[in-house]
Amino acid sequence: MSVQKIDSNLITRVIRQERSAQFQLFESTKGLLFSICYRVLTDEDEANDVLQDAYVEIFQNIRKLENPEALISWMKTITIRKQSNIAKSKFGLSR
C-alpha cells in the first residue's frame, strides 16, 4: 500500500489500535517519514530514533486527528517538529 492509498478504513482500524493496521500504516509511510528525518540529521541512527518517537506520538494521538484526509500532512508535521527539535540541539540553534 502506498502513501497515496491510505483509506479511511485503515485509519479507523488504527484509531481502534489494531496492531495489524498500525503496522500497515507504518510500512506504508516509514520511507517518507524517514527521509524527512534523515534529510536534516544526516545520521541514520538519529533519524531512526526520531522516527520511532514520531510514530509513538502519532499512534498515541491519532484519535485527535479531526480530518482523516489530512493524515499524511499531520504525520509529517509531527515528524518535522521532532526532527527540528533534535536538529536544533545537534547544531546548537536556539528556539
PDB file of N, CA and C in Angstrom:
ATOM      1  N   MET A   1       0.853  -1.183   0.000  1.00  0.00           N
ATOM      2  CA  MET A   1       0.000   0.000   0.000  1.00  0.00           C
ATOM      3  C   MET A   1       0.891   1.237   0.000  1.00  0.00           C
ATOM      4  N   SER A   2       0.639   2.115  -0.913  1.00  0.00           N
ATOM      5  CA  SER A   2       1.439   3.328  -0.978  1.00  0.00           C
ATOM      6  C   SER A   2       0.839   4.404  -0.092  1.00  0.00           C
ATOM      7  N   VAL A   3       1.612   5.465   0.103  1.00  0.00           N
ATOM      8  CA  VAL A   3       1.155   6.573   0.929  1.00  0.00           C
ATOM      9  C   VAL A   3      -0.148   7.147   0.374  1.00  0.00           C
ATOM     10  N   GLN A   4      -0.281   7.222  -0.934  1.00  0.00           N
ATOM     11  CA  GLN A   4      -1.468   7.803  -1.548  1.00  0.00           C
ATOM     12  C   GLN A   4      -2.702   6.932  -1.362  1.00  0.00           C
ATOM     13  N   LYS A   5      -2.549   5.647  -1.046  1.00  0.00           N
ATOM     14  CA  LYS A   5      -3.680   4.727  -0.983  1.00  0.00           C
ATOM     15  C   LYS A   5      -4.119   4.411   0.446  1.00  0.00           C
ATOM     16  N   ILE A   6      -3.846   5.265   1.383  1.00  0.00           N
ATOM     17  CA  ILE A   6      -4.300   5.057   2.749  1.00  0.00           C
ATOM     18  C   ILE A   6      -5.771   5.439   2.797  1.00  0.00           C
ATOM     19  N   ASP A   7      -6.605   4.465   3.129  1.00  0.00           N
ATOM     20  CA  ASP A   7      -8.040   4.724   3.100  1.00  0.00           C
ATOM     21  C   ASP A   7      -8.609   4.926   4.505  1.00  0.00           C
ATOM     22  N   SER A   8      -9.834   5.384   4.545  1.00  0.00           N
ATOM     23  CA  SER A   8     -10.470   5.700   5.824  1.00  0.00           C
ATOM     24  C   SER A   8     -10.665   4.454   6.680  1.00  0.00           C
ATOM     25  N   ASN A   9     -10.828   3.292   6.056  1.00  0.00           N
ATOM     26  CA  ASN A   9     -10.966   2.052   6.811  1.00  0.00           C
ATOM     27  C   ASN A   9      -9.688   1.761   7.605  1.00  0.00           C
ATOM     28  N   LEU A  10      -8.546   1.959   6.977  1.00  0.00           N
ATOM     29  CA  LEU A  10      -7.276   1.743   7.681  1.00  0.00           C
ATOM     30  C   LEU A  10      -7.147   2.728   8.838  1.00  0.00           C
ATOM     31  N   ILE A  11      -7.493   3.972   8.609  1.00  0.00           N
ATOM     32  CA  ILE A  11      -7.402   4.981   9.662  1.00  0.00           C
ATOM     33  C   ILE A  11      -8.304   4.605  10.831  1.00  0.00           C
ATOM     34  N   THR A  12      -9.511   4.154  10.532  1.00  0.00           N
ATOM     35  CA  THR A  12     -10.446   3.723  11.578  1.00  0.00           C
ATOM     36  C   THR A  12      -9.851   2.576  12.380  1.00  0.00           C
ATOM     37  N   ARG A  13      -9.250   1.635  11.708  1.00  0.00           N
ATOM     38  CA  ARG A  13      -8.628   0.498  12.390  1.00  0.00           C
ATOM     39  C   ARG A  13      -7.436   0.939  13.238  1.00  0.00           C
ATOM     40  N   VAL A  14      -6.671   1.908  12.752  1.00  0.00           N
ATOM     41  CA  VAL A  14      -5.545   2.425  13.540  1.00  0.00           C
ATOM     42  C   VAL A  14      -6.073   3.120  14.790  1.00  0.00           C
ATOM     43  N   ILE A  15      -7.130   3.900  14.646  1.00  0.00           N
ATOM     44  CA  ILE A  15      -7.736   4.582  15.798  1.00  0.00           C
ATOM     45  C   ILE A  15      -8.206   3.563  16.834  1.00  0.00           C
ATOM     46  N   ARG A  16      -8.701   2.419  16.372  1.00  0.00           N
ATOM     47  CA  ARG A  16      -9.125   1.347  17.290  1.00  0.00           C
ATOM     48  C   ARG A  16      -7.937   0.571  17.854  1.00  0.00           C
ATOM     49  N   GLN A  17      -6.745   1.001  17.501  1.00  0.00           N
ATOM     50  CA  GLN A  17      -5.489   0.436  17.981  1.00  0.00           C
ATOM     51  C   GLN A  17      -5.271  -1.017  17.563  1.00  0.00           C
ATOM     52  N   GLU A  18      -5.723  -1.335  16.365  1.00  0.00           N
ATOM     53  CA  GLU A  18      -5.447  -2.663  15.816  1.00  0.00           C
ATOM     54  C   GLU A  18      -3.989  -2.704  15.379  1.00  0.00           C
ATOM     55  N   ARG A  19      -3.242  -3.613  15.947  1.00  0.00           N
ATOM     56  CA  ARG A  19      -1.799  -3.703  15.669  1.00  0.00           C
ATOM     57  C   ARG A  19      -1.509  -3.932  14.186  1.00  0.00           C
ATOM     58  N   SER A  20      -2.316  -4.758  13.548  1.00  0.00           N
ATOM     59  CA  SER A  20      -2.057  -5.022  12.125  1.00  0.00           C
ATOM     60  C   SER A  20      -2.255  -3.755  11.292  1.00  0.00           C
ATOM     61  N   ALA A  21      -3.216  -2.928  11.663  1.00  0.00           N
ATOM     62  CA  ALA A  21      -3.443  -1.669  10.952  1.00  0.00           C
ATOM     63  C   ALA A  21      -2.309  -0.686  11.236  1.00  0.00           C
ATOM     64  N   GLN A  22      -1.847  -0.651  12.476  1.00  0.00           N
ATOM     65  CA  GLN A  22      -0.720   0.219  12.812  1.00  0.00           C
ATOM     66  C   GLN A  22       0.511  -0.193  12.015  1.00  0.00           C
ATOM     67  N   PHE A  23       0.740  -1.490  11.925  1.00  0.00           N
ATOM     68  CA  PHE A  23       1.884  -1.978  11.170  1.00  0.00           C
ATOM     69  C   PHE A  23       1.740  -1.623   9.691  1.00  0.00           C
ATOM     70  N   GLN A  24       0.543  -1.765   9.149  1.00  0.00           N
ATOM     71  CA  GLN A  24       0.293  -1.430   7.749  1.00  0.00           C
ATOM     72  C   GLN A  24       0.546   0.058   7.494  1.00  0.00           C
ATOM     73  N   LEU A  25       0.081   0.908   8.401  1.00  0.00           N
ATOM     74  CA  LEU A  25       0.326   2.348   8.266  1.00  0.00           C
ATOM     75  C   LEU A  25       1.820   2.645   8.358  1.00  0.00           C
ATOM     76  N   PHE A  26       2.492   2.024   9.320  1.00  0.00           N
ATOM     77  CA  PHE A  26       3.930   2.201   9.475  1.00  0.00           C
ATOM     78  C   PHE A  26       4.670   1.801   8.195  1.00  0.00           C
ATOM     79  N   GLU A  27       4.353   0.621   7.690  1.00  0.00           N
ATOM     80  CA  GLU A  27       5.038   0.119   6.497  1.00  0.00           C
ATOM     81  C   GLU A  27       4.828   1.031   5.294  1.00  0.00           C
ATOM     82  N   SER A  28       3.658   1.622   5.180  1.00  0.00           N
ATOM     83  CA  SER A  28       3.373   2.445   4.002  1.00  0.00           C
ATOM     84  C   SER A  28       3.893   3.873   4.120  1.00  0.00           C
ATOM     85  N   THR A  29       4.296   4.288   5.327  1.00  0.00           N
ATOM     86  CA  THR A  29       4.737   5.679   5.498  1.00  0.00           C
ATOM     87  C   THR A  29       6.172   5.823   6.019  1.00  0.00           C
ATOM     88  N   LYS A  30       6.787   4.739   6.426  1.00  0.00           N
ATOM     89  CA  LYS A  30       8.111   4.846   7.059  1.00  0.00           C
ATOM     90  C   LYS A  30       9.166   5.446   6.135  1.00  0.00           C
ATOM     91  N   GLY A  31       9.127   5.133   4.858  1.00  0.00           N
ATOM     92  CA  GLY A  31      10.117   5.674   3.931  1.00  0.00           C
ATOM     93  C   GLY A  31      10.018   7.188   3.805  1.00  0.00           C
ATOM     94  N   LEU A  32       8.799   7.666   3.673  1.00  0.00           N
ATOM     95  CA  LEU A  32       8.564   9.101   3.572  1.00  0.00           C
ATOM     96  C   LEU A  32       9.020   9.827   4.837  1.00  0.00           C
ATOM     97  N   LEU A  33       8.614   9.316   5.989  1.00  0.00           N
ATOM     98  CA  LEU A  33       8.954   9.998   7.238  1.00  0.00           C
ATOM     99  C   LEU A  33      10.438   9.868   7.574  1.00  0.00           C
ATOM    100  N   PHE A  34      11.034   8.717   7.245  1.00  0.00           N
ATOM    101  CA  PHE A  34      12.471   8.574   7.467  1.00  0.00           C
ATOM    102  C   PHE A  34      13.243   9.595   6.638  1.00  0.00           C
ATOM    103  N   SER A  35      12.839   9.796   5.390  1.00  0.00           N
ATOM    104  CA  SER A  35      13.560  10.748   4.536  1.00  0.00           C
ATOM    105  C   SER A  35      13.479  12.163   5.099  1.00  0.00           C
ATOM    106  N   ILE A  36      12.369  12.503   5.721  1.00  0.00           N
ATOM    107  CA  ILE A  36      12.242  13.810   6.370  1.00  0.00           C
ATOM    108  C   ILE A  36      13.273  13.933   7.489  1.00  0.00           C
ATOM    109  N   CYS A  37      13.388  12.895   8.295  1.00  0.00           N
ATOM    110  CA  CYS A  37      14.344  12.918   9.416  1.00  0.00           C
ATOM    111  C   CYS A  37      15.786  12.944   8.935  1.00  0.00           C
ATOM    112  N   TYR A  38      16.090  12.084   7.993  1.00  0.00           N
ATOM    113  CA  TYR A  38      17.468  11.925   7.546  1.00  0.00           C
ATOM    114  C   TYR A  38      17.974  13.133   6.770  1.00  0.00           C
ATOM    115  N   ARG A  39      17.093  13.797   6.059  1.00  0.00           N
ATOM    116  CA  ARG A  39      17.489  14.934   5.214  1.00  0.00           C
ATOM    117  C   ARG A  39      18.256  15.989   6.002  1.00  0.00           C
ATOM    118  N   VAL A  40      17.841  16.247   7.226  1.00  0.00           N
ATOM    119  CA  VAL A  40      18.491  17.277   8.036  1.00  0.00           C
ATOM    120  C   VAL A  40      19.515  16.676   8.991  1.00  0.00           C
ATOM    121  N   LEU A  41      19.165  15.558   9.607  1.00  0.00           N
ATOM    122  CA  LEU A  41      20.045  14.997  10.633  1.00  0.00           C
ATOM    123  C   LEU A  41      21.268  14.307  10.044  1.00  0.00           C
ATOM    124  N   THR A  42      21.169  13.766   8.860  1.00  0.00           N
ATOM    125  CA  THR A  42      22.234  13.074   8.128  1.00  0.00           C
ATOM    126  C   THR A  42      22.926  11.973   8.934  1.00  0.00           C
ATOM    127  N   ASP A  43      22.210  11.425   9.882  1.00  0.00           N
ATOM    128  CA  ASP A  43      22.717  10.315  10.679  1.00  0.00           C
ATOM    129  C   ASP A  43      21.586   9.293  10.768  1.00  0.00           C
ATOM    130  N   GLU A  44      21.856   8.096  10.277  1.00  0.00           N
ATOM    131  CA  GLU A  44      20.807   7.079  10.205  1.00  0.00           C
ATOM    132  C   GLU A  44      20.258   6.712  11.579  1.00  0.00           C
ATOM    133  N   ASP A  45      21.133   6.563  12.575  1.00  0.00           N
ATOM    134  CA  ASP A  45      20.667   6.208  13.915  1.00  0.00           C
ATOM    135  C   ASP A  45      19.792   7.305  14.517  1.00  0.00           C
ATOM    136  N   GLU A  46      20.223   8.552  14.377  1.00  0.00           N
ATOM    137  CA  GLU A  46      19.414   9.668  14.889  1.00  0.00           C
ATOM    138  C   GLU A  46      18.087   9.746  14.161  1.00  0.00           C
ATOM    139  N   ALA A  47      18.118   9.557  12.857  1.00  0.00           N
ATOM    140  CA  ALA A  47      16.881   9.610  12.074  1.00  0.00           C
ATOM    141  C   ALA A  47      15.917   8.509  12.513  1.00  0.00           C
ATOM    142  N   ASN A  48      16.437   7.315  12.755  1.00  0.00           N
ATOM    143  CA  ASN A  48      15.589   6.218  13.228  1.00  0.00           C
ATOM    144  C   ASN A  48      15.033   6.491  14.623  1.00  0.00           C
ATOM    145  N   ASP A  49      15.830   7.109  15.499  1.00  0.00           N
ATOM    146  CA  ASP A  49      15.339   7.474  16.830  1.00  0.00           C
ATOM    147  C   ASP A  49      14.198   8.478  16.746  1.00  0.00           C
ATOM    148  N   VAL A  50      14.376   9.484  15.901  1.00  0.00           N
ATOM    149  CA  VAL A  50      13.325  10.493  15.722  1.00  0.00           C
ATOM    150  C   VAL A  50      12.090   9.851  15.108  1.00  0.00           C
ATOM    151  N   LEU A  51      12.293   8.984  14.151  1.00  0.00           N
ATOM    152  CA  LEU A  51      11.185   8.299  13.512  1.00  0.00           C
ATOM    153  C   LEU A  51      10.393   7.481  14.530  1.00  0.00           C
ATOM    154  N   GLN A  52      11.085   6.781  15.395  1.00  0.00           N
ATOM    155  CA  GLN A  52      10.416   5.996  16.438  1.00  0.00           C
ATOM    156  C   GLN A  52       9.602   6.906  17.356  1.00  0.00           C
ATOM    157  N   ASP A  53      10.196   8.003  17.794  1.00  0.00           N
ATOM    158  CA  ASP A  53       9.482   8.957  18.648  1.00  0.00           C
ATOM    159  C   ASP A  53       8.255   9.523  17.936  1.00  0.00           C
ATOM    160  N   ALA A  54       8.401   9.788  16.657  1.00  0.00           N
ATOM    161  CA  ALA A  54       7.275  10.330  15.886  1.00  0.00           C
ATOM    162  C   ALA A  54       6.129   9.326  15.818  1.00  0.00           C
ATOM    163  N   TYR A  55       6.440   8.064  15.557  1.00  0.00           N
ATOM    164  CA  TYR A  55       5.375   7.060  15.488  1.00  0.00           C
ATOM    165  C   TYR A  55       4.708   6.844  16.846  1.00  0.00           C
ATOM    166  N   VAL A  56       5.460   6.915  17.911  1.00  0.00           N
ATOM    167  CA  VAL A  56       4.838   6.812  19.238  1.00  0.00           C
ATOM    168  C   VAL A  56       3.811   7.919  19.405  1.00  0.00           C
ATOM    169  N   GLU A  57       4.201   9.153  19.085  1.00  0.00           N
ATOM    170  CA  GLU A  57       3.268  10.270  19.203  1.00  0.00           C
ATOM    171  C   GLU A  57       2.091  10.121  18.240  1.00  0.00           C
ATOM    172  N   ILE A  58       2.357   9.688  17.044  1.00  0.00           N
ATOM    173  CA  ILE A  58       1.287   9.501  16.056  1.00  0.00           C
ATOM    174  C   ILE A  58       0.252   8.507  16.572  1.00  0.00           C
ATOM    175  N   PHE A  59       0.702   7.359  17.029  1.00  0.00           N
ATOM    176  CA  PHE A  59      -0.243   6.333  17.472  1.00  0.00           C
ATOM    177  C   PHE A  59      -0.931   6.707  18.786  1.00  0.00           C
ATOM    178  N   GLN A  60      -0.264   7.466  19.633  1.00  0.00           N
ATOM    179  CA  GLN A  60      -0.896   7.899  20.875  1.00  0.00           C
ATOM    180  C   GLN A  60      -1.953   8.973  20.637  1.00  0.00           C
ATOM    181  N   ASN A  61      -1.786   9.763  19.592  1.00  0.00           N
ATOM    182  CA  ASN A  61      -2.662  10.915  19.384  1.00  0.00           C
ATOM    183  C   ASN A  61      -3.549  10.831  18.150  1.00  0.00           C
ATOM    184  N   ILE A  62      -3.586   9.708  17.482  1.00  0.00           N
ATOM    185  CA  ILE A  62      -4.344   9.626  16.236  1.00  0.00           C
ATOM    186  C   ILE A  62      -5.833   9.863  16.456  1.00  0.00           C
ATOM    187  N   ARG A  63      -6.326   9.602  17.629  1.00  0.00           N
ATOM    188  CA  ARG A  63      -7.744   9.861  17.919  1.00  0.00           C
ATOM    189  C   ARG A  63      -8.072  11.350  17.873  1.00  0.00           C
ATOM    190  N   LYS A  64      -7.063  12.175  17.999  1.00  0.00           N
ATOM    191  CA  LYS A  64      -7.263  13.629  17.955  1.00  0.00           C
ATOM    192  C   LYS A  64      -7.316  14.161  16.526  1.00  0.00           C
ATOM    193  N   LEU A  65      -6.986  13.325  15.569  1.00  0.00           N
ATOM    194  CA  LEU A  65      -6.998  13.737  14.169  1.00  0.00           C
ATOM    195  C   LEU A  65      -8.433  14.042  13.749  1.00  0.00           C
ATOM    196  N   GLU A  66      -8.684  15.289  13.429  1.00  0.00           N
ATOM    197  CA  GLU A  66     -10.042  15.716  13.096  1.00  0.00           C
ATOM    198  C   GLU A  66     -10.408  15.450  11.638  1.00  0.00           C
ATOM    199  N   ASN A  67      -9.419  15.453  10.770  1.00  0.00           N
ATOM    200  CA  ASN A  67      -9.675  15.292   9.344  1.00  0.00           C
ATOM    201  C   ASN A  67      -8.818  14.139   8.822  1.00  0.00           C
ATOM    202  N   PRO A  68      -9.409  12.953   8.660  1.00  0.00           N
ATOM    203  CA  PRO A  68      -8.625  11.802   8.199  1.00  0.00           C
ATOM    204  C   PRO A  68      -7.921  12.025   6.866  1.00  0.00           C
ATOM    205  N   GLU A  69      -8.452  12.902   6.020  1.00  0.00           N
ATOM    206  CA  GLU A  69      -7.798  13.183   4.744  1.00  0.00           C
ATOM    207  C   GLU A  69      -6.458  13.885   4.945  1.00  0.00           C
ATOM    208  N   ALA A  70      -6.268  14.459   6.121  1.00  0.00           N
ATOM    209  CA  ALA A  70      -5.031  15.182   6.426  1.00  0.00           C
ATOM    210  C   ALA A  70      -4.016  14.304   7.162  1.00  0.00           C
ATOM    211  N   LEU A  71      -4.249  13.008   7.194  1.00  0.00           N
ATOM    212  CA  LEU A  71      -3.383  12.109   7.965  1.00  0.00           C
ATOM    213  C   LEU A  71      -1.913  12.269   7.620  1.00  0.00           C
ATOM    214  N   ILE A  72      -1.573  12.212   6.348  1.00  0.00           N
ATOM    215  CA  ILE A  72      -0.163  12.266   5.949  1.00  0.00           C
ATOM    216  C   ILE A  72       0.452  13.609   6.338  1.00  0.00           C
ATOM    217  N   SER A  73      -0.257  14.687   6.100  1.00  0.00           N
ATOM    218  CA  SER A  73       0.252  16.012   6.488  1.00  0.00           C
ATOM    219  C   SER A  73       0.455  16.089   7.991  1.00  0.00           C
ATOM    220  N   TRP A  74      -0.483  15.555   8.740  1.00  0.00           N
ATOM    221  CA  TRP A  74      -0.401  15.544  10.201  1.00  0.00           C
ATOM    222  C   TRP A  74       0.812  14.728  10.657  1.00  0.00           C
ATOM    223  N   MET A  75       1.019  13.567  10.054  1.00  0.00           N
ATOM    224  CA  MET A  75       2.167  12.728  10.398  1.00  0.00           C
ATOM    225  C   MET A  75       3.480  13.440  10.054  1.00  0.00           C
ATOM    226  N   LYS A  76       3.513  14.094   8.903  1.00  0.00           N
ATOM    227  CA  LYS A  76       4.716  14.827   8.508  1.00  0.00           C
ATOM    228  C   LYS A  76       4.999  15.974   9.479  1.00  0.00           C
ATOM    229  N   THR A  77       3.956  16.656   9.915  1.00  0.00           N
ATOM    230  CA  THR A  77       4.129  17.770  10.858  1.00  0.00           C
ATOM    231  C   THR A  77       4.733  17.288  12.173  1.00  0.00           C
ATOM    232  N   ILE A  78       4.220  16.190  12.693  1.00  0.00           N
ATOM    233  CA  ILE A  78       4.760  15.621  13.933  1.00  0.00           C
ATOM    234  C   ILE A  78       6.231  15.255  13.735  1.00  0.00           C
ATOM    235  N   THR A  79       6.531  14.606  12.631  1.00  0.00           N
ATOM    236  CA  THR A  79       7.903  14.171  12.347  1.00  0.00           C
ATOM    237  C   THR A  79       8.842  15.365  12.189  1.00  0.00           C
ATOM    238  N   ILE A  80       8.410  16.369  11.459  1.00  0.00           N
ATOM    239  CA  ILE A  80       9.241  17.560  11.252  1.00  0.00           C
ATOM    240  C   ILE A  80       9.499  18.268  12.576  1.00  0.00           C
ATOM    241  N   ARG A  81       8.482  18.368  13.425  1.00  0.00           N
ATOM    242  CA  ARG A  81       8.675  19.020  14.722  1.00  0.00           C
ATOM    243  C   ARG A  81       9.709  18.269  15.567  1.00  0.00           C
ATOM    244  N   LYS A  82       9.602  16.957  15.602  1.00  0.00           N
ATOM    245  CA  LYS A  82      10.558  16.161  16.381  1.00  0.00           C
ATOM    246  C   LYS A  82      11.960  16.253  15.781  1.00  0.00           C
ATOM    247  N   GLN A  83      12.058  16.183  14.474  1.00  0.00           N
ATOM    248  CA  GLN A  83      13.349  16.289  13.788  1.00  0.00           C
ATOM    249  C   GLN A  83      13.963  17.660  14.035  1.00  0.00           C
ATOM    250  N   SER A  84      13.147  18.695  13.996  1.00  0.00           N
ATOM    251  CA  SER A  84      13.650  20.058  14.204  1.00  0.00           C
ATOM    252  C   SER A  84      14.199  20.240  15.615  1.00  0.00           C
ATOM    253  N   ASN A  85      13.516  19.658  16.586  1.00  0.00           N
ATOM    254  CA  ASN A  85      13.993  19.761  17.969  1.00  0.00           C
ATOM    255  C   ASN A  85      15.367  19.119  18.126  1.00  0.00           C
ATOM    256  N   ILE A  86      15.568  17.975  17.523  1.00  0.00           N
ATOM    257  CA  ILE A  86      16.873  17.299  17.596  1.00  0.00           C
ATOM    258  C   ILE A  86      17.920  18.098  16.823  1.00  0.00           C
ATOM    259  N   ALA A  87      17.555  18.572  15.651  1.00  0.00           N
ATOM    260  CA  ALA A  87      18.495  19.338  14.837  1.00  0.00           C
ATOM    261  C   ALA A  87      18.935  20.616  15.554  1.00  0.00           C
ATOM    262  N   LYS A  88      18.017  21.274  16.228  1.00  0.00           N
ATOM    263  CA  LYS A  88      18.365  22.497  16.955  1.00  0.00           C
ATOM    264  C   LYS A  88      19.397  22.213  18.028  1.00  0.00           C
ATOM    265  N   SER A  89      19.197  21.121  18.767  1.00  0.00           N
ATOM    266  CA  SER A  89      20.177  20.819  19.804  1.00  0.00           C
ATOM    267  C   SER A  89      21.489  20.309  19.195  1.00  0.00           C
ATOM    268  N   LYS A  90      21.396  19.539  18.127  1.00  0.00           N
ATOM    269  CA  LYS A  90      22.585  18.991  17.471  1.00  0.00           C
ATOM    270  C   LYS A  90      23.465  20.090  16.898  1.00  0.00           C
ATOM    271  N   PHE A  91      22.846  21.084  16.282  1.00  0.00           N
ATOM    272  CA  PHE A  91      23.592  22.151  15.627  1.00  0.00           C
ATOM    273  C   PHE A  91      23.695  23.420  16.465  1.00  0.00           C
ATOM    274  N   GLY A  92      23.249  23.335  17.719  1.00  0.00           N
ATOM    275  CA  GLY A  92      23.389  24.468  18.634  1.00  0.00           C
ATOM    276  C   GLY A  92      22.520  25.664  18.290  1.00  0.00           C
ATOM    277  N   LEU A  93      21.381  25.426  17.709  1.00  0.00           N
ATOM    278  CA  LEU A  93      20.485  26.516  17.365  1.00  0.00           C
ATOM    279  C   LEU A  93      19.509  26.752  18.505  1.00  0.00           C
ATOM    280  N   SER A  94      19.212  28.011  18.755  1.00  0.00           N
ATOM    281  CA  SER A  94      18.238  28.311  19.807  1.00  0.00           C
ATOM    282  C   SER A  94      16.841  28.249  19.230  1.00  0.00           C
ATOM    283  N   ARG A  95      15.892  28.125  20.110  1.00  0.00           N
ATOM    284  CA  ARG A  95      14.489  28.031  19.677  1.00  0.00           C
ATOM    285  C   ARG A  95      13.920  29.336  19.349  1.00  0.00           C
TER     286      ARG A  95
END
